[in-house]
Amino acid sequence: MTERTEITGTVTDIDGEAHLVLTRTLEGRASDVWRDLTDSDRLERWIGRWEGDPSSGSVQFFMTAEAEDPQPEQYTILECDAPRRFAGHTSVEGGAWHLWFELAQAGGATTLTFGQRLNPTDDVGSIGPGWEYYLDRLEAARAGREASAVAWEDYFPALQPAYLRLVAAG
């Protein structure tokens, strides 16, 4: 069953650079959502795990949601303001991705704003559906459901045309 039929991402100019930005409203306190996004054991429930000492400014990230024995990616931590904002760089297949998120709590819910600075050669037609997929896996894990029940095939190529139109309109 498809989790998303509409895209939730937008392309936004931030400091003169294009960013893909997706927003989710999650039940719970920002501190709990923060742990789902930064604690290695909780992160692995929906996307992957990290190893190393974050206080050193970098960790090794393993994208376990895509492979049982993934190759690690070096992840450089640029900003970590718990439980409000996180930003970092990772290398992806020879390129670098700048990823960030912000959390804002209002009452019993937390708004997650997730972003990726776009490089000129980035394929938003696959990146956008990818983040929709992973953020829906996060929502499933937070709700106590198996993240593996969220199927990549329901996101790509189904959401690809909408993301390509989004970039063409930007």
N, C-alpha and C. Protein backbone atom coordinates (compact mmCIF):
# COMPACT_ATOMS: atom_id res chain seq x y z
N MET A 1 0.84 -1.18 0.00
CA MET A 1 0.00 0.00 0.00
C MET A 1 0.88 1.24 0.00
N THR A 2 0.60 2.19 -0.86
CA THR A 2 1.37 3.41 -0.96
C THR A 2 1.11 4.30 0.26
N GLU A 3 2.20 4.73 0.88
CA GLU A 3 2.09 5.65 2.02
C GLU A 3 1.74 7.06 1.54
N ARG A 4 2.35 7.49 0.45
CA ARG A 4 2.16 8.86 -0.05
C ARG A 4 1.64 8.81 -1.47
N THR A 5 0.64 9.60 -1.76
CA THR A 5 0.18 9.75 -3.13
C THR A 5 0.52 11.13 -3.67
N GLU A 6 0.82 12.05 -2.76
CA GLU A 6 1.21 13.41 -3.11
C GLU A 6 2.58 13.68 -2.51
N ILE A 7 3.36 14.50 -3.17
CA ILE A 7 4.65 14.85 -2.60
C ILE A 7 4.47 15.88 -1.48
N THR A 8 5.36 15.85 -0.53
CA THR A 8 5.33 16.83 0.56
C THR A 8 6.51 17.78 0.48
N GLY A 9 7.42 17.53 -0.46
CA GLY A 9 8.61 18.35 -0.58
C GLY A 9 8.40 19.61 -1.39
N THR A 10 9.25 20.57 -1.12
CA THR A 10 9.32 21.80 -1.90
C THR A 10 10.79 22.09 -2.16
N VAL A 11 11.07 22.88 -3.16
CA VAL A 11 12.43 23.38 -3.37
C VAL A 11 12.42 24.83 -2.94
N THR A 12 13.30 25.15 -2.00
CA THR A 12 13.32 26.46 -1.37
C THR A 12 14.72 27.05 -1.45
N ASP A 13 14.79 28.35 -1.70
CA ASP A 13 16.07 29.05 -1.70
C ASP A 13 16.42 29.41 -0.26
N ILE A 14 17.57 28.93 0.20
CA ILE A 14 18.08 29.26 1.53
C ILE A 14 19.49 29.80 1.34
N ASP A 15 19.67 31.05 1.67
CA ASP A 15 20.98 31.70 1.53
C ASP A 15 21.55 31.55 0.13
N GLY A 16 20.68 31.70 -0.88
CA GLY A 16 21.12 31.66 -2.26
C GLY A 16 21.35 30.28 -2.84
N GLU A 17 20.98 29.24 -2.09
CA GLU A 17 21.16 27.87 -2.58
C GLU A 17 19.85 27.11 -2.50
N ALA A 18 19.63 26.25 -3.49
CA ALA A 18 18.40 25.46 -3.52
C ALA A 18 18.47 24.32 -2.50
N HIS A 19 17.38 24.15 -1.78
CA HIS A 19 17.26 23.06 -0.81
C HIS A 19 15.95 22.33 -1.06
N LEU A 20 15.99 21.01 -1.01
CA LEU A 20 14.79 20.21 -0.98
C LEU A 20 14.35 20.16 0.48
N VAL A 21 13.11 20.56 0.77
CA VAL A 21 12.62 20.64 2.14
C VAL A 21 11.33 19.84 2.25
N LEU A 22 11.29 18.95 3.25
CA LEU A 22 10.11 18.14 3.53
C LEU A 22 9.71 18.35 4.98
N THR A 23 8.42 18.35 5.24
CA THR A 23 7.92 18.61 6.59
C THR A 23 6.98 17.48 7.01
N ARG A 24 7.11 17.09 8.26
CA ARG A 24 6.22 16.11 8.86
C ARG A 24 5.81 16.62 10.24
N THR A 25 4.56 16.37 10.63
CA THR A 25 4.12 16.63 11.99
C THR A 25 4.02 15.29 12.69
N LEU A 26 4.77 15.15 13.78
CA LEU A 26 4.87 13.89 14.49
C LEU A 26 4.33 14.06 15.90
N GLU A 27 3.56 13.09 16.36
CA GLU A 27 3.08 13.12 17.74
C GLU A 27 4.28 12.95 18.66
N GLY A 28 4.27 13.68 19.76
CA GLY A 28 5.32 13.52 20.76
C GLY A 28 6.17 14.77 20.91
N ARG A 29 7.00 14.69 21.94
CA ARG A 29 7.87 15.81 22.29
C ARG A 29 9.07 15.87 21.34
N ALA A 30 9.60 17.07 21.16
CA ALA A 30 10.77 17.25 20.30
C ALA A 30 11.95 16.41 20.79
N SER A 31 12.10 16.27 22.10
CA SER A 31 13.21 15.47 22.62
C SER A 31 13.10 14.01 22.21
N ASP A 32 11.89 13.47 22.11
CA ASP A 32 11.70 12.09 21.65
C ASP A 32 11.99 11.96 20.16
N VAL A 33 11.51 12.91 19.37
CA VAL A 33 11.78 12.90 17.93
C VAL A 33 13.28 13.05 17.70
N TRP A 34 13.92 13.92 18.47
CA TRP A 34 15.37 14.11 18.36
C TRP A 34 16.10 12.77 18.51
N ARG A 35 15.70 11.99 19.52
CA ARG A 35 16.35 10.70 19.74
C ARG A 35 16.13 9.76 18.56
N ASP A 36 14.95 9.81 17.93
CA ASP A 36 14.71 8.96 16.76
C ASP A 36 15.58 9.35 15.58
N LEU A 37 16.03 10.60 15.56
CA LEU A 37 16.85 11.11 14.46
C LEU A 37 18.35 11.07 14.76
N THR A 38 18.73 10.88 16.02
CA THR A 38 20.15 10.97 16.36
C THR A 38 20.70 9.79 17.15
N ASP A 39 19.89 9.09 17.90
CA ASP A 39 20.36 7.93 18.67
C ASP A 39 20.55 6.76 17.70
N SER A 40 21.72 6.17 17.69
CA SER A 40 22.05 5.14 16.71
C SER A 40 21.06 3.98 16.72
N ASP A 41 20.70 3.47 17.90
CA ASP A 41 19.77 2.34 17.96
C ASP A 41 18.39 2.71 17.43
N ARG A 42 17.91 3.88 17.77
CA ARG A 42 16.58 4.32 17.29
C ARG A 42 16.61 4.68 15.82
N LEU A 43 17.70 5.27 15.36
CA LEU A 43 17.87 5.63 13.96
C LEU A 43 17.85 4.37 13.08
N GLU A 44 18.44 3.30 13.59
CA GLU A 44 18.51 2.08 12.80
C GLU A 44 17.14 1.45 12.57
N ARG A 45 16.16 1.77 13.37
CA ARG A 45 14.82 1.22 13.16
C ARG A 45 14.23 1.64 11.82
N TRP A 46 14.71 2.79 11.27
CA TRP A 46 14.07 3.28 10.04
C TRP A 46 15.04 3.64 8.92
N ILE A 47 16.34 3.84 9.18
CA ILE A 47 17.24 4.22 8.08
C ILE A 47 18.64 3.62 8.21
N GLY A 48 19.26 3.73 9.35
CA GLY A 48 20.62 3.23 9.49
C GLY A 48 21.17 3.55 10.86
N ARG A 49 22.44 3.23 11.05
CA ARG A 49 23.08 3.47 12.34
C ARG A 49 24.41 4.19 12.12
N TRP A 50 24.91 4.74 13.21
CA TRP A 50 26.23 5.35 13.15
C TRP A 50 27.13 4.72 14.20
N GLU A 51 28.43 4.81 13.95
CA GLU A 51 29.43 4.35 14.90
C GLU A 51 30.49 5.44 15.02
N GLY A 52 31.07 5.54 16.20
CA GLY A 52 32.11 6.52 16.43
C GLY A 52 31.77 7.44 17.57
N ASP A 53 32.51 8.51 17.68
CA ASP A 53 32.34 9.48 18.75
C ASP A 53 31.85 10.80 18.16
N PRO A 54 30.55 11.10 18.31
CA PRO A 54 30.03 12.34 17.73
C PRO A 54 30.74 13.60 18.22
N SER A 55 31.30 13.56 19.42
CA SER A 55 32.00 14.75 19.94
C SER A 55 33.26 15.04 19.14
N SER A 56 33.73 14.08 18.34
CA SER A 56 34.90 14.31 17.49
C SER A 56 34.54 15.13 16.25
N GLY A 57 33.24 15.24 15.98
CA GLY A 57 32.79 15.99 14.81
C GLY A 57 32.49 15.13 13.60
N SER A 58 32.70 13.81 13.72
CA SER A 58 32.33 12.94 12.61
C SER A 58 32.06 11.53 13.12
N VAL A 59 31.26 10.82 12.37
CA VAL A 59 30.93 9.42 12.67
C VAL A 59 30.88 8.66 11.35
N GLN A 60 30.85 7.36 11.43
CA GLN A 60 30.64 6.50 10.27
C GLN A 60 29.16 6.15 10.24
N PHE A 61 28.49 6.39 9.12
CA PHE A 61 27.07 6.09 8.98
C PHE A 61 26.90 4.87 8.08
N PHE A 62 26.06 3.95 8.52
CA PHE A 62 25.76 2.72 7.78
C PHE A 62 24.29 2.73 7.40
N MET A 63 23.99 2.78 6.11
CA MET A 63 22.61 2.84 5.60
C MET A 63 22.03 1.42 5.60
N THR A 64 21.68 0.93 6.78
CA THR A 64 21.23 -0.45 6.92
C THR A 64 19.87 -0.71 6.31
N ALA A 65 19.09 0.32 6.05
CA ALA A 65 17.78 0.12 5.42
C ALA A 65 17.92 -0.30 3.97
N GLU A 66 19.09 -0.08 3.38
CA GLU A 66 19.30 -0.43 1.97
C GLU A 66 20.09 -1.70 1.76
N ALA A 67 20.84 -2.14 2.77
CA ALA A 67 21.65 -3.35 2.61
C ALA A 67 21.94 -3.93 3.99
N GLU A 68 22.12 -5.24 4.05
CA GLU A 68 22.41 -5.88 5.33
C GLU A 68 23.83 -5.57 5.79
N ASP A 69 24.75 -5.40 4.86
CA ASP A 69 26.15 -5.13 5.19
C ASP A 69 26.63 -3.91 4.38
N PRO A 70 26.08 -2.72 4.68
CA PRO A 70 26.42 -1.53 3.88
C PRO A 70 27.84 -1.04 4.15
N GLN A 71 28.39 -0.37 3.16
CA GLN A 71 29.67 0.30 3.33
C GLN A 71 29.43 1.58 4.13
N PRO A 72 30.31 1.91 5.05
CA PRO A 72 30.10 3.12 5.85
C PRO A 72 30.37 4.38 5.03
N GLU A 73 29.66 5.43 5.38
CA GLU A 73 29.87 6.76 4.81
C GLU A 73 30.38 7.65 5.94
N GLN A 74 31.37 8.46 5.65
CA GLN A 74 31.85 9.43 6.63
C GLN A 74 30.81 10.53 6.75
N TYR A 75 30.39 10.84 7.95
CA TYR A 75 29.41 11.88 8.18
C TYR A 75 30.05 12.93 9.09
N THR A 76 30.15 14.16 8.60
CA THR A 76 30.73 15.26 9.35
C THR A 76 29.60 16.07 9.99
N ILE A 77 29.67 16.22 11.28
CA ILE A 77 28.66 16.95 12.03
C ILE A 77 29.04 18.43 12.04
N LEU A 78 28.18 19.26 11.48
CA LEU A 78 28.45 20.69 11.40
C LEU A 78 27.75 21.48 12.50
N GLU A 79 26.57 21.01 12.89
CA GLU A 79 25.78 21.71 13.91
C GLU A 79 24.94 20.68 14.65
N CYS A 80 24.93 20.79 15.97
CA CYS A 80 24.13 19.89 16.79
C CYS A 80 23.62 20.67 17.99
N ASP A 81 22.38 21.14 17.88
CA ASP A 81 21.75 21.95 18.91
C ASP A 81 20.50 21.21 19.39
N ALA A 82 20.72 20.22 20.25
CA ALA A 82 19.62 19.36 20.72
C ALA A 82 18.63 20.15 21.57
N PRO A 83 17.36 19.89 21.46
CA PRO A 83 16.66 19.10 20.44
C PRO A 83 16.06 19.97 19.35
N ARG A 84 16.82 20.90 18.84
CA ARG A 84 16.28 21.87 17.89
C ARG A 84 16.80 21.72 16.47
N ARG A 85 18.12 21.66 16.28
CA ARG A 85 18.67 21.69 14.92
C ARG A 85 19.91 20.82 14.81
N PHE A 86 20.02 20.18 13.66
CA PHE A 86 21.18 19.34 13.34
C PHE A 86 21.52 19.56 11.87
N ALA A 87 22.82 19.59 11.56
CA ALA A 87 23.25 19.70 10.17
C ALA A 87 24.57 18.97 10.01
N GLY A 88 24.76 18.41 8.82
CA GLY A 88 26.01 17.71 8.55
C GLY A 88 26.18 17.42 7.08
N HIS A 89 27.38 16.91 6.75
CA HIS A 89 27.73 16.52 5.38
C HIS A 89 28.02 15.03 5.36
N THR A 90 27.61 14.39 4.30
CA THR A 90 27.98 13.01 4.08
C THR A 90 28.40 12.85 2.63
N SER A 91 29.26 11.89 2.39
CA SER A 91 29.62 11.59 1.01
C SER A 91 28.69 10.51 0.52
N VAL A 92 28.19 10.65 -0.69
CA VAL A 92 27.28 9.68 -1.28
C VAL A 92 27.77 9.39 -2.69
N GLU A 93 28.24 8.17 -2.90
CA GLU A 93 28.70 7.74 -4.21
C GLU A 93 29.57 8.80 -4.90
N GLY A 94 30.54 9.29 -4.19
CA GLY A 94 31.48 10.24 -4.77
C GLY A 94 31.06 11.70 -4.68
N GLY A 95 29.84 11.98 -4.28
CA GLY A 95 29.38 13.35 -4.12
C GLY A 95 29.17 13.65 -2.64
N ALA A 96 28.90 14.86 -2.32
CA ALA A 96 28.64 15.24 -0.93
C ALA A 96 27.22 15.73 -0.79
N TRP A 97 26.55 15.31 0.26
CA TRP A 97 25.21 15.79 0.56
C TRP A 97 25.26 16.57 1.86
N HIS A 98 24.63 17.75 1.85
CA HIS A 98 24.46 18.55 3.07
C HIS A 98 23.03 18.32 3.52
N LEU A 99 22.87 17.69 4.68
CA LEU A 99 21.55 17.36 5.23
C LEU A 99 21.36 18.11 6.54
N TRP A 100 20.12 18.47 6.83
CA TRP A 100 19.82 19.18 8.07
C TRP A 100 18.38 18.91 8.48
N PHE A 101 18.10 19.11 9.74
CA PHE A 101 16.71 19.09 10.19
C PHE A 101 16.54 20.04 11.36
N GLU A 102 15.29 20.51 11.48
CA GLU A 102 14.90 21.36 12.59
C GLU A 102 13.64 20.79 13.21
N LEU A 103 13.52 20.90 14.52
CA LEU A 103 12.34 20.43 15.25
C LEU A 103 11.71 21.60 15.98
N ALA A 104 10.39 21.68 15.93
CA ALA A 104 9.64 22.71 16.66
C ALA A 104 8.46 22.04 17.33
N GLN A 105 8.41 22.13 18.64
CA GLN A 105 7.34 21.50 19.40
C GLN A 105 6.22 22.49 19.67
N ALA A 106 5.00 22.04 19.48
CA ALA A 106 3.82 22.82 19.82
C ALA A 106 2.81 21.87 20.44
N GLY A 107 2.58 22.04 21.73
CA GLY A 107 1.68 21.13 22.43
C GLY A 107 2.27 19.73 22.44
N GLY A 108 1.46 18.74 22.06
CA GLY A 108 1.90 17.36 22.07
C GLY A 108 2.47 16.88 20.75
N ALA A 109 2.74 17.79 19.82
CA ALA A 109 3.26 17.40 18.51
C ALA A 109 4.54 18.17 18.21
N THR A 110 5.33 17.57 17.33
CA THR A 110 6.59 18.19 16.91
C THR A 110 6.62 18.26 15.40
N THR A 111 6.94 19.42 14.87
CA THR A 111 7.11 19.58 13.43
C THR A 111 8.57 19.33 13.10
N LEU A 112 8.79 18.38 12.20
CA LEU A 112 10.11 18.07 11.67
C LEU A 112 10.22 18.72 10.30
N THR A 113 11.20 19.58 10.14
CA THR A 113 11.52 20.15 8.84
C THR A 113 12.87 19.58 8.45
N PHE A 114 12.87 18.79 7.39
CA PHE A 114 14.08 18.09 6.94
C PHE A 114 14.51 18.69 5.62
N GLY A 115 15.81 18.91 5.45
CA GLY A 115 16.28 19.49 4.21
C GLY A 115 17.57 18.90 3.70
N GLN A 116 17.73 19.03 2.40
CA GLN A 116 18.98 18.67 1.73
C GLN A 116 19.33 19.77 0.76
N ARG A 117 20.52 20.34 0.93
CA ARG A 117 20.99 21.34 -0.04
C ARG A 117 21.24 20.60 -1.35
N LEU A 118 20.73 21.15 -2.43
CA LEU A 118 20.83 20.48 -3.73
C LEU A 118 22.07 20.92 -4.49
N ASN A 119 22.80 19.95 -4.97
CA ASN A 119 23.92 20.20 -5.87
C ASN A 119 23.35 20.30 -7.28
N PRO A 120 23.99 21.01 -8.19
CA PRO A 120 23.45 21.16 -9.55
C PRO A 120 23.19 19.84 -10.27
N THR A 121 23.93 18.81 -9.96
CA THR A 121 23.76 17.54 -10.66
C THR A 121 22.87 16.55 -9.91
N ASP A 122 22.30 16.94 -8.77
CA ASP A 122 21.46 16.03 -8.00
C ASP A 122 20.20 15.67 -8.77
N ASP A 123 19.82 14.43 -8.69
CA ASP A 123 18.61 13.91 -9.34
C ASP A 123 17.44 13.99 -8.35
N VAL A 124 16.76 15.12 -8.34
CA VAL A 124 15.66 15.33 -7.40
C VAL A 124 14.51 14.36 -7.69
N GLY A 125 14.44 13.86 -8.93
CA GLY A 125 13.42 12.87 -9.27
C GLY A 125 13.56 11.57 -8.51
N SER A 126 14.74 11.27 -8.00
CA SER A 126 14.91 10.09 -7.14
C SER A 126 15.16 10.49 -5.68
N ILE A 127 15.81 11.63 -5.46
CA ILE A 127 16.08 12.07 -4.09
C ILE A 127 14.78 12.41 -3.35
N GLY A 128 13.87 13.12 -4.00
CA GLY A 128 12.60 13.49 -3.36
C GLY A 128 11.81 12.27 -2.93
N PRO A 129 11.53 11.33 -3.85
CA PRO A 129 10.83 10.12 -3.43
C PRO A 129 11.59 9.36 -2.34
N GLY A 130 12.91 9.40 -2.39
CA GLY A 130 13.71 8.71 -1.38
C GLY A 130 13.47 9.27 0.01
N TRP A 131 13.46 10.59 0.14
CA TRP A 131 13.22 11.17 1.46
C TRP A 131 11.77 10.99 1.91
N GLU A 132 10.83 11.02 0.96
CA GLU A 132 9.43 10.70 1.33
C GLU A 132 9.37 9.30 1.95
N TYR A 133 10.04 8.36 1.30
CA TYR A 133 10.08 6.97 1.74
C TYR A 133 10.70 6.86 3.14
N TYR A 134 11.86 7.47 3.33
CA TYR A 134 12.52 7.34 4.62
C TYR A 134 11.77 8.06 5.73
N LEU A 135 11.20 9.21 5.46
CA LEU A 135 10.43 9.90 6.50
C LEU A 135 9.15 9.13 6.84
N ASP A 136 8.57 8.45 5.86
CA ASP A 136 7.42 7.59 6.18
C ASP A 136 7.86 6.37 6.98
N ARG A 137 9.06 5.88 6.73
CA ARG A 137 9.61 4.79 7.57
C ARG A 137 9.80 5.28 9.01
N LEU A 138 10.26 6.53 9.16
CA LEU A 138 10.39 7.12 10.49
C LEU A 138 9.03 7.15 11.18
N GLU A 139 8.01 7.62 10.47
CA GLU A 139 6.67 7.68 11.05
C GLU A 139 6.18 6.29 11.45
N ALA A 140 6.43 5.30 10.62
CA ALA A 140 6.02 3.93 10.93
C ALA A 140 6.73 3.45 12.20
N ALA A 141 8.03 3.66 12.29
CA ALA A 141 8.79 3.22 13.47
C ALA A 141 8.29 3.92 14.73
N ARG A 142 8.00 5.21 14.62
CA ARG A 142 7.50 5.95 15.78
C ARG A 142 6.13 5.45 16.22
N ALA A 143 5.35 4.94 15.27
CA ALA A 143 4.01 4.43 15.58
C ALA A 143 4.03 2.97 16.04
N GLY A 144 5.24 2.38 16.12
CA GLY A 144 5.35 0.99 16.55
C GLY A 144 5.11 -0.02 15.45
N ARG A 145 5.08 0.46 14.20
CA ARG A 145 4.92 -0.45 13.06
C ARG A 145 6.30 -0.79 12.49
N GLU A 146 6.37 -1.86 11.74
CA GLU A 146 7.62 -2.24 11.08
C GLU A 146 7.91 -1.28 9.94
N ALA A 147 9.04 -0.62 9.98
CA ALA A 147 9.42 0.29 8.90
C ALA A 147 9.57 -0.47 7.59
N SER A 148 9.94 -1.74 7.66
CA SER A 148 10.13 -2.53 6.44
C SER A 148 8.82 -2.75 5.68
N ALA A 149 7.68 -2.48 6.31
CA ALA A 149 6.39 -2.59 5.61
C ALA A 149 6.19 -1.45 4.62
N VAL A 150 6.96 -0.37 4.76
CA VAL A 150 6.92 0.74 3.81
C VAL A 150 7.75 0.32 2.61
N ALA A 151 7.14 0.24 1.44
CA ALA A 151 7.79 -0.31 0.24
C ALA A 151 8.30 0.78 -0.69
N TRP A 152 9.60 0.73 -0.99
CA TRP A 152 10.23 1.68 -1.90
C TRP A 152 9.50 1.73 -3.24
N GLU A 153 9.04 0.60 -3.71
CA GLU A 153 8.36 0.53 -5.01
C GLU A 153 7.09 1.38 -5.05
N ASP A 154 6.54 1.71 -3.90
CA ASP A 154 5.36 2.58 -3.84
C ASP A 154 5.72 4.07 -4.00
N TYR A 155 6.99 4.40 -3.90
CA TYR A 155 7.45 5.78 -3.96
C TYR A 155 8.15 6.11 -5.27
N PHE A 156 8.89 5.14 -5.77
CA PHE A 156 9.65 5.36 -6.99
C PHE A 156 9.36 4.24 -7.96
N PRO A 157 8.88 4.55 -9.13
CA PRO A 157 8.88 5.85 -9.79
C PRO A 157 7.60 6.67 -9.63
N ALA A 158 6.66 6.24 -8.79
CA ALA A 158 5.36 6.92 -8.69
C ALA A 158 5.46 8.42 -8.41
N LEU A 159 6.35 8.83 -7.51
CA LEU A 159 6.46 10.24 -7.14
C LEU A 159 7.49 11.00 -7.98
N GLN A 160 8.23 10.29 -8.82
CA GLN A 160 9.28 10.92 -9.61
C GLN A 160 8.78 12.06 -10.50
N PRO A 161 7.70 11.88 -11.27
CA PRO A 161 7.26 12.98 -12.14
C PRO A 161 6.93 14.27 -11.37
N ALA A 162 6.30 14.13 -10.20
CA ALA A 162 5.95 15.33 -9.42
C ALA A 162 7.20 16.05 -8.94
N TYR A 163 8.22 15.31 -8.56
CA TYR A 163 9.47 15.96 -8.13
C TYR A 163 10.19 16.59 -9.31
N LEU A 164 10.15 15.97 -10.45
CA LEU A 164 10.77 16.56 -11.64
C LEU A 164 10.05 17.85 -12.04
N ARG A 165 8.71 17.86 -11.93
CA ARG A 165 7.95 19.09 -12.22
C ARG A 165 8.29 20.18 -11.22
N LEU A 166 8.46 19.78 -9.96
CA LEU A 166 8.79 20.73 -8.91
C LEU A 166 10.10 21.45 -9.23
N VAL A 167 11.09 20.71 -9.65
CA VAL A 167 12.39 21.29 -9.97
C VAL A 167 12.30 22.14 -11.23
N ALA A 168 11.55 21.66 -12.23
CA ALA A 168 11.40 22.42 -13.48
C ALA A 168 10.69 23.76 -13.22
N ALA A 169 9.75 23.78 -12.27
CA ALA A 169 9.02 25.01 -11.96
C ALA A 169 9.85 25.98 -11.13
N GLY A 170 10.87 25.44 -10.43
CA GLY A 170 11.66 26.26 -9.51
C GLY A 170 12.58 27.16 -10.21
